[in-house]
Amino acid sequence: ELHTAKKEIFKAKAPVEITALEYRMVDALVAQRGQVVSRSYLYEHLFSEEKEVVSNILEVYVCNLRKKLGANFVKTKRGHGYYIE
C-alpha cells in the first residue's frame, strides 16, 4: 500500500522504513504500473540534481526495495528497465 499524502509504504498493513529516494523510486514505478520504466527515466527522475551518480546506483536501490518489500516487488526487464505489476 502506498500512501502518497504521507509518503509512506505499508506491507501487510505494517509500515516499511524506506528512504526518501526509495519512496520516489516506488512512486515513479507505481505511476506507470505494468509498464517498463527505463533506467534513463529513473536516473533523471531520481538524480536530476546530482552532479555525479555511481553507475550501479539503481541496482542498489532496487535491491534494497526487494529486501524491504519482497523479492518480486520490482521486476527487471533486462536491457530495458524496471516495472511493478
N, C-alpha and C. Protein backbone atom coordinates (compact mmCIF):
# COMPACT_ATOMS: atom_id res chain seq x y z
N GLU A 1 0.84 -1.17 0.00
CA GLU A 1 0.00 0.00 0.00
C GLU A 1 0.89 1.23 0.00
N LEU A 2 0.54 2.18 -0.82
CA LEU A 2 1.30 3.42 -0.94
C LEU A 2 0.41 4.57 -0.50
N HIS A 3 0.82 5.30 0.50
CA HIS A 3 0.08 6.47 0.98
C HIS A 3 0.83 7.70 0.51
N THR A 4 0.35 8.28 -0.58
CA THR A 4 1.07 9.38 -1.20
C THR A 4 1.08 10.66 -0.36
N ALA A 5 0.03 10.94 0.35
CA ALA A 5 -0.04 12.17 1.14
C ALA A 5 1.05 12.21 2.21
N LYS A 6 1.27 11.07 2.87
CA LYS A 6 2.27 11.00 3.94
C LYS A 6 3.59 10.40 3.46
N LYS A 7 3.63 9.98 2.20
CA LYS A 7 4.82 9.35 1.62
C LYS A 7 5.26 8.16 2.46
N GLU A 8 4.31 7.26 2.68
CA GLU A 8 4.56 6.04 3.46
C GLU A 8 4.19 4.82 2.63
N ILE A 9 4.84 3.73 2.96
CA ILE A 9 4.55 2.45 2.31
C ILE A 9 4.26 1.43 3.40
N PHE A 10 3.23 0.61 3.15
CA PHE A 10 2.84 -0.43 4.08
C PHE A 10 2.88 -1.77 3.37
N LYS A 11 3.34 -2.78 4.09
CA LYS A 11 3.35 -4.15 3.57
C LYS A 11 2.62 -4.99 4.61
N ALA A 12 1.55 -5.65 4.18
CA ALA A 12 0.72 -6.43 5.10
C ALA A 12 0.28 -5.58 6.28
N LYS A 13 -0.12 -4.34 5.98
CA LYS A 13 -0.64 -3.37 6.95
C LYS A 13 0.40 -2.85 7.94
N ALA A 14 1.66 -3.24 7.77
CA ALA A 14 2.73 -2.75 8.64
C ALA A 14 3.58 -1.73 7.88
N PRO A 15 3.94 -0.63 8.55
CA PRO A 15 4.76 0.38 7.87
C PRO A 15 6.14 -0.17 7.53
N VAL A 16 6.67 0.26 6.40
CA VAL A 16 8.00 -0.16 5.96
C VAL A 16 8.90 1.06 5.99
N GLU A 17 10.04 0.93 6.65
CA GLU A 17 11.02 2.01 6.72
C GLU A 17 11.74 2.11 5.39
N ILE A 18 11.57 3.23 4.70
CA ILE A 18 12.28 3.45 3.44
C ILE A 18 12.83 4.86 3.42
N THR A 19 13.84 5.05 2.60
CA THR A 19 14.42 6.38 2.45
C THR A 19 13.56 7.21 1.49
N ALA A 20 13.81 8.50 1.47
CA ALA A 20 13.07 9.38 0.57
C ALA A 20 13.31 8.99 -0.88
N LEU A 21 14.53 8.62 -1.22
CA LEU A 21 14.84 8.24 -2.59
C LEU A 21 14.17 6.92 -2.96
N GLU A 22 14.12 5.97 -2.03
CA GLU A 22 13.41 4.71 -2.29
C GLU A 22 11.93 4.99 -2.52
N TYR A 23 11.37 5.89 -1.73
CA TYR A 23 9.96 6.24 -1.93
C TYR A 23 9.74 6.84 -3.32
N ARG A 24 10.61 7.74 -3.73
CA ARG A 24 10.48 8.36 -5.05
C ARG A 24 10.57 7.31 -6.16
N MET A 25 11.42 6.31 -5.97
CA MET A 25 11.53 5.26 -6.97
C MET A 25 10.24 4.45 -7.03
N VAL A 26 9.70 4.07 -5.89
CA VAL A 26 8.43 3.33 -5.86
C VAL A 26 7.33 4.17 -6.48
N ASP A 27 7.28 5.44 -6.14
CA ASP A 27 6.26 6.33 -6.68
C ASP A 27 6.35 6.40 -8.21
N ALA A 28 7.55 6.49 -8.74
CA ALA A 28 7.73 6.54 -10.20
C ALA A 28 7.27 5.25 -10.86
N LEU A 29 7.55 4.12 -10.22
CA LEU A 29 7.14 2.83 -10.77
C LEU A 29 5.63 2.63 -10.66
N VAL A 30 5.04 3.05 -9.54
CA VAL A 30 3.59 2.92 -9.35
C VAL A 30 2.85 3.79 -10.36
N ALA A 31 3.38 4.96 -10.65
CA ALA A 31 2.74 5.86 -11.60
C ALA A 31 2.63 5.24 -12.99
N GLN A 32 3.51 4.29 -13.29
CA GLN A 32 3.50 3.63 -14.59
C GLN A 32 3.35 2.11 -14.42
N ARG A 33 2.56 1.74 -13.44
CA ARG A 33 2.35 0.33 -13.11
C ARG A 33 2.05 -0.51 -14.34
N GLY A 34 2.73 -1.65 -14.44
CA GLY A 34 2.53 -2.56 -15.56
C GLY A 34 3.33 -2.21 -16.79
N GLN A 35 3.99 -1.07 -16.77
CA GLN A 35 4.81 -0.65 -17.90
C GLN A 35 6.28 -0.62 -17.47
N VAL A 36 7.15 -0.91 -18.39
CA VAL A 36 8.58 -0.85 -18.10
C VAL A 36 9.02 0.61 -18.04
N VAL A 37 9.69 0.95 -16.96
CA VAL A 37 10.22 2.30 -16.78
C VAL A 37 11.71 2.22 -17.07
N SER A 38 12.16 3.01 -18.03
CA SER A 38 13.56 2.93 -18.46
C SER A 38 14.51 3.40 -17.36
N ARG A 39 15.70 2.87 -17.44
CA ARG A 39 16.74 3.26 -16.50
C ARG A 39 17.04 4.76 -16.64
N SER A 40 17.06 5.25 -17.87
CA SER A 40 17.37 6.67 -18.08
C SER A 40 16.29 7.56 -17.44
N TYR A 41 15.02 7.16 -17.55
CA TYR A 41 13.95 7.93 -16.90
C TYR A 41 14.15 7.94 -15.39
N LEU A 42 14.46 6.78 -14.82
CA LEU A 42 14.65 6.71 -13.36
C LEU A 42 15.85 7.54 -12.93
N TYR A 43 16.96 7.47 -13.68
CA TYR A 43 18.12 8.31 -13.34
C TYR A 43 17.72 9.78 -13.32
N GLU A 44 17.02 10.21 -14.36
CA GLU A 44 16.63 11.62 -14.44
C GLU A 44 15.64 11.99 -13.34
N HIS A 45 14.68 11.12 -13.09
CA HIS A 45 13.65 11.37 -12.08
C HIS A 45 14.24 11.40 -10.67
N LEU A 46 15.18 10.52 -10.40
CA LEU A 46 15.71 10.38 -9.05
C LEU A 46 16.94 11.24 -8.77
N PHE A 47 17.76 11.45 -9.79
CA PHE A 47 19.05 12.09 -9.55
C PHE A 47 19.28 13.33 -10.41
N SER A 48 18.25 14.01 -10.81
CA SER A 48 18.39 15.14 -11.73
C SER A 48 19.28 16.25 -11.18
N GLU A 49 19.36 16.38 -9.88
CA GLU A 49 20.14 17.46 -9.29
C GLU A 49 21.55 17.02 -8.90
N GLU A 50 21.85 15.74 -9.02
CA GLU A 50 23.17 15.23 -8.66
C GLU A 50 24.16 15.49 -9.78
N LYS A 51 25.37 15.84 -9.42
CA LYS A 51 26.42 16.07 -10.41
C LYS A 51 26.95 14.73 -10.93
N GLU A 52 27.29 13.84 -10.02
CA GLU A 52 27.82 12.54 -10.41
C GLU A 52 27.03 11.45 -9.70
N VAL A 53 26.69 10.43 -10.44
CA VAL A 53 25.94 9.32 -9.88
C VAL A 53 26.69 8.04 -10.21
N VAL A 54 26.85 7.18 -9.22
CA VAL A 54 27.52 5.91 -9.43
C VAL A 54 26.69 5.08 -10.41
N SER A 55 27.34 4.41 -11.32
CA SER A 55 26.64 3.72 -12.41
C SER A 55 25.69 2.63 -11.96
N ASN A 56 25.96 1.99 -10.82
CA ASN A 56 25.08 0.90 -10.38
C ASN A 56 24.10 1.31 -9.29
N ILE A 57 23.90 2.60 -9.12
CA ILE A 57 23.06 3.08 -8.03
C ILE A 57 21.61 2.58 -8.13
N LEU A 58 21.07 2.47 -9.33
CA LEU A 58 19.71 1.96 -9.47
C LEU A 58 19.61 0.53 -8.98
N GLU A 59 20.61 -0.29 -9.31
CA GLU A 59 20.60 -1.69 -8.86
C GLU A 59 20.62 -1.77 -7.34
N VAL A 60 21.37 -0.87 -6.72
CA VAL A 60 21.44 -0.83 -5.26
C VAL A 60 20.06 -0.52 -4.67
N TYR A 61 19.39 0.48 -5.22
CA TYR A 61 18.07 0.84 -4.71
C TYR A 61 17.03 -0.24 -4.98
N VAL A 62 17.10 -0.86 -6.14
CA VAL A 62 16.17 -1.96 -6.45
C VAL A 62 16.42 -3.11 -5.48
N CYS A 63 17.67 -3.43 -5.22
CA CYS A 63 18.00 -4.50 -4.27
C CYS A 63 17.44 -4.18 -2.88
N ASN A 64 17.61 -2.94 -2.43
CA ASN A 64 17.09 -2.54 -1.12
C ASN A 64 15.57 -2.64 -1.07
N LEU A 65 14.89 -2.21 -2.14
CA LEU A 65 13.43 -2.31 -2.18
C LEU A 65 12.97 -3.75 -2.16
N ARG A 66 13.67 -4.61 -2.87
CA ARG A 66 13.30 -6.04 -2.87
C ARG A 66 13.47 -6.65 -1.49
N LYS A 67 14.50 -6.24 -0.76
CA LYS A 67 14.70 -6.74 0.61
C LYS A 67 13.56 -6.28 1.52
N LYS A 68 13.13 -5.04 1.34
CA LYS A 68 12.12 -4.47 2.23
C LYS A 68 10.69 -4.82 1.84
N LEU A 69 10.43 -4.97 0.52
CA LEU A 69 9.05 -5.14 0.06
C LEU A 69 8.78 -6.50 -0.59
N GLY A 70 9.80 -7.32 -0.71
CA GLY A 70 9.62 -8.64 -1.30
C GLY A 70 10.43 -8.79 -2.58
N ALA A 71 10.95 -9.97 -2.77
CA ALA A 71 11.85 -10.24 -3.90
C ALA A 71 11.21 -9.98 -5.26
N ASN A 72 9.90 -10.13 -5.35
CA ASN A 72 9.22 -9.95 -6.64
C ASN A 72 8.51 -8.61 -6.78
N PHE A 73 8.75 -7.69 -5.85
CA PHE A 73 8.06 -6.40 -5.91
C PHE A 73 8.48 -5.62 -7.16
N VAL A 74 9.76 -5.42 -7.33
CA VAL A 74 10.28 -4.72 -8.51
C VAL A 74 10.83 -5.79 -9.45
N LYS A 75 10.36 -5.78 -10.67
CA LYS A 75 10.81 -6.75 -11.66
C LYS A 75 11.72 -6.05 -12.66
N THR A 76 12.62 -6.84 -13.24
CA THR A 76 13.57 -6.31 -14.21
C THR A 76 13.22 -6.82 -15.59
N LYS A 77 13.20 -5.93 -16.55
CA LYS A 77 13.11 -6.32 -17.96
C LYS A 77 14.50 -6.04 -18.51
N ARG A 78 15.28 -7.09 -18.60
CA ARG A 78 16.70 -6.98 -18.95
C ARG A 78 16.92 -6.11 -20.19
N GLY A 79 17.81 -5.14 -20.04
CA GLY A 79 18.14 -4.27 -21.15
C GLY A 79 17.17 -3.12 -21.37
N HIS A 80 16.08 -3.08 -20.57
CA HIS A 80 15.06 -2.05 -20.77
C HIS A 80 14.79 -1.21 -19.53
N GLY A 81 14.63 -1.85 -18.39
CA GLY A 81 14.35 -1.11 -17.17
C GLY A 81 13.64 -1.95 -16.13
N TYR A 82 12.83 -1.29 -15.32
CA TYR A 82 12.14 -1.94 -14.22
C TYR A 82 10.66 -1.68 -14.28
N TYR A 83 9.90 -2.56 -13.61
CA TYR A 83 8.45 -2.38 -13.56
C TYR A 83 7.89 -3.09 -12.34
N ILE A 84 6.68 -2.71 -11.97
CA ILE A 84 5.91 -3.44 -10.97
C ILE A 84 4.58 -3.78 -11.60
N GLU A 85 3.99 -4.86 -11.15
CA GLU A 85 2.72 -5.29 -11.70
C GLU A 85 1.55 -4.70 -10.96
